[in-house]
Amino acid sequence: MMGLGLPELLVISLIVILIFGAKKIPQIGAGLGQGIRNFKDSLAGKDEDPKRIKGQDEQDR
């Protein structure tokens, strides 16, 4: 079966470090985390601005 063991994870980590460099990895992780958080918020409807919704309601009247 296809499983990722310790040797495979070490090889993948080494390749990522060689490609991006050690200083870029935290920035990449933060960007991925922020993207996932924004995606979850948009699914939950938290991305709507209350001022924008209020302005739309006034325009509809």
Protein backbone atom coordinates (compact mmCIF):
# COMPACT_ATOMS: atom_id res chain seq x y z
CA MET A 1 0.00 0.00 0.00
CA MET A 2 1.00 3.60 -0.40
CA GLY A 3 2.01 5.02 2.92
CA LEU A 4 4.32 7.83 3.85
CA GLY A 5 6.87 6.68 6.36
CA LEU A 6 9.66 8.60 8.02
CA PRO A 7 12.20 8.13 5.20
CA GLU A 8 9.75 9.41 2.58
CA LEU A 9 8.82 12.43 4.69
CA LEU A 10 12.50 13.26 5.23
CA VAL A 11 13.20 13.11 1.49
CA ILE A 12 10.19 15.32 0.72
CA SER A 13 11.25 17.80 3.43
CA LEU A 14 14.79 17.93 2.06
CA ILE A 15 13.54 18.59 -1.48
CA VAL A 16 11.22 21.36 -0.24
CA ILE A 17 14.07 23.00 1.67
CA LEU A 18 16.33 22.80 -1.38
CA ILE A 19 13.69 24.31 -3.68
CA PHE A 20 12.31 27.10 -1.48
CA GLY A 21 15.03 27.68 1.09
CA ALA A 22 14.71 27.60 4.86
CA LYS A 23 13.66 31.26 5.14
CA LYS A 24 10.69 30.95 2.77
CA ILE A 25 9.08 27.89 4.38
CA PRO A 26 7.41 29.80 7.29
CA GLN A 27 6.02 32.34 4.81
CA ILE A 28 4.62 29.55 2.65
CA GLY A 29 3.05 27.89 5.69
CA ALA A 30 1.49 31.15 6.85
CA GLY A 31 0.10 31.80 3.38
CA LEU A 32 -1.41 28.33 3.18
CA GLY A 33 -2.94 28.69 6.64
CA GLN A 34 -4.45 32.06 5.79
CA GLY A 35 -5.84 30.70 2.54
CA ILE A 36 -7.47 27.76 4.29
CA ARG A 37 -8.89 30.06 6.99
CA ASN A 38 -10.35 32.41 4.36
CA PHE A 39 -11.87 29.46 2.51
CA LYS A 40 -13.52 28.12 5.68
CA ASP A 41 -14.80 31.59 6.59
CA SER A 42 -16.30 32.06 3.13
CA LEU A 43 -18.09 28.72 3.39
CA ALA A 44 -19.48 29.72 6.78
CA GLY A 45 -20.58 33.14 5.49
CA LYS A 46 -18.23 35.08 7.75
CA ASP A 47 -16.68 37.01 4.89
CA GLU A 48 -19.67 39.30 4.45
CA ASP A 49 -19.09 42.86 5.60
CA PRO A 50 -22.02 44.15 7.75
CA LYS A 51 -21.65 47.65 6.29
CA ARG A 52 -21.85 46.26 2.76
CA ILE A 53 -24.99 44.30 3.58
CA LYS A 54 -26.58 47.35 5.23
CA GLY A 55 -25.79 49.48 2.20
CA GLN A 56 -27.36 46.92 -0.11
CA ASP A 57 -30.54 46.81 1.97
CA GLU A 58 -30.88 50.60 1.77
CA GLN A 59 -30.39 50.54 -1.99
CA ASP A 60 -33.08 47.89 -2.43
CA ARG A 61 -35.72 50.05 -0.73
